Amino acid sequence: MESVVWISYDLGVNGDYEGIYSWLDSRGAKECGDSIAFLNYLHSGDLINCLRVDISNEVNLDKRSRIYAIRMDEGQIKGRFVVGRRRTAPWEGYGDTDDDTEDAA
């Protein structure tokens, strides 16, 4: 099966960027900005599991590595971490909040 997928990767300061670049290049990925690539990915079975296995076989990953895949699934755009998990956003706390509640002691 072939799936259209965008890959976002954050491997940390000392991450294996040569490994991920080699993996992306060998699959004909297109650059879409800093740390984002687009590709048509050939796989058999669950897309996320296939990506996880395929990438981990060719890229040295550690506990700081994060890879996120965005794909079309049954007509909906879906995203999921292939490696790692969501962190607190660096922009949290910068926006205005409408906290109109009255404080009482």
Protein backbone atom coordinates (compact mmCIF):
# COMPACT_ATOMS: atom_id res chain seq x y z
CA MET A 1 0.00 0.00 0.00
CA GLU A 2 1.16 3.55 -0.62
CA SER A 3 0.31 6.38 1.78
CA VAL A 4 0.85 10.11 1.49
CA VAL A 5 2.55 11.27 4.68
CA TRP A 6 4.25 14.33 6.11
CA ILE A 7 7.02 13.62 8.62
CA SER A 8 8.05 16.13 11.28
CA TYR A 9 11.26 15.23 13.10
CA ASP A 10 13.08 16.58 16.15
CA LEU A 11 16.08 14.48 17.08
CA GLY A 12 17.64 16.87 19.59
CA VAL A 13 20.98 18.66 19.41
CA ASN A 14 23.09 15.52 18.97
CA GLY A 15 20.53 13.48 17.03
CA ASP A 16 21.24 11.25 14.07
CA TYR A 17 20.32 13.77 11.38
CA GLU A 18 22.49 12.01 8.80
CA GLY A 19 20.46 8.87 9.45
CA ILE A 20 17.07 10.57 9.04
CA TYR A 21 18.31 12.49 5.98
CA SER A 22 19.50 9.23 4.41
CA TRP A 23 16.18 7.55 5.24
CA LEU A 24 14.18 10.43 3.73
CA ASP A 25 16.39 10.73 0.64
CA SER A 26 16.22 7.02 -0.14
CA ARG A 27 12.42 7.27 -0.12
CA GLY A 28 12.23 10.32 -2.40
CA ALA A 29 10.96 12.69 0.30
CA LYS A 30 10.48 16.37 -0.51
CA GLU A 31 11.63 19.14 1.84
CA CYS A 32 8.78 21.23 3.30
CA GLY A 33 10.58 23.56 5.72
CA ASP A 34 12.74 23.04 8.77
CA SER A 35 12.43 19.42 9.90
CA ILE A 36 9.37 18.61 7.78
CA ALA A 37 9.24 16.31 4.77
CA PHE A 38 6.57 14.97 2.42
CA LEU A 39 6.66 11.51 0.91
CA ASN A 40 4.65 8.72 -0.68
CA TYR A 41 5.48 5.81 1.62
CA LEU A 42 5.17 2.19 0.52
CA HIS A 43 4.22 -0.17 3.34
CA SER A 44 2.34 -3.32 4.21
CA GLY A 45 0.26 -3.19 7.35
CA ASP A 46 -0.37 -0.33 9.76
CA LEU A 47 1.31 2.87 8.53
CA ILE A 48 2.50 4.10 11.94
CA ASN A 49 3.93 0.74 12.97
CA CYS A 50 5.68 0.32 9.62
CA LEU A 51 7.19 3.81 9.89
CA ARG A 52 8.32 3.12 13.48
CA VAL A 53 10.09 -0.11 12.54
CA ASP A 54 11.51 1.21 9.27
CA ILE A 55 12.89 4.42 10.78
CA SER A 56 14.28 2.78 13.93
CA ASN A 57 16.17 0.26 11.74
CA GLU A 58 18.03 3.07 9.97
CA VAL A 59 18.15 6.00 12.40
CA ASN A 60 19.77 6.03 15.84
CA LEU A 61 17.01 7.26 18.15
CA ASP A 62 17.18 8.14 21.83
CA LYS A 63 14.76 9.31 24.51
CA ARG A 64 14.80 12.87 23.12
CA SER A 65 13.91 11.83 19.56
CA ARG A 66 10.46 12.76 18.29
CA ILE A 67 8.96 11.94 14.93
CA TYR A 68 5.37 12.87 14.06
CA ALA A 69 3.45 11.65 10.99
CA ILE A 70 0.49 13.42 9.39
CA ARG A 71 -1.59 11.45 6.90
CA MET A 72 -4.97 11.09 5.26
CA ASP A 73 -7.03 8.30 6.79
CA GLU A 74 -10.54 7.59 5.52
CA GLY A 75 -10.89 11.14 4.21
CA GLN A 76 -9.66 12.77 7.42
CA ILE A 77 -6.30 14.33 8.17
CA LYS A 78 -4.77 12.58 11.17
CA GLY A 79 -1.51 12.93 13.04
CA ARG A 80 0.32 10.68 15.47
CA PHE A 81 3.72 10.36 17.06
CA VAL A 82 5.74 7.58 15.48
CA VAL A 83 8.52 8.06 18.03
CA GLY A 84 8.32 10.09 21.23
CA ARG A 85 5.40 12.08 22.55
CA ARG A 86 3.95 15.57 22.87
CA ARG A 87 5.69 18.09 25.13
CA THR A 88 4.58 21.37 26.66
CA ALA A 89 4.47 23.93 23.85
CA PRO A 90 7.14 26.65 24.05
CA TRP A 91 4.46 29.29 23.38
CA GLU A 92 2.32 28.36 26.38
CA GLY A 93 1.76 31.36 28.61
CA TYR A 94 2.38 33.98 25.91
CA GLY A 95 -1.23 34.46 24.82
CA ASP A 96 -3.80 36.71 26.42
CA THR A 97 -6.32 34.94 28.56
CA ASP A 98 -9.79 36.19 29.34
CA ASP A 99 -9.87 35.42 33.02
CA ASP A 100 -12.79 37.54 34.21
CA THR A 101 -13.41 35.58 37.37
CA GLU A 102 -13.46 37.41 40.69
CA ASP A 103 -11.00 36.18 43.26
CA ALA A 104 -12.09 36.02 46.89
CA ALA A 105 -10.15 35.21 50.02
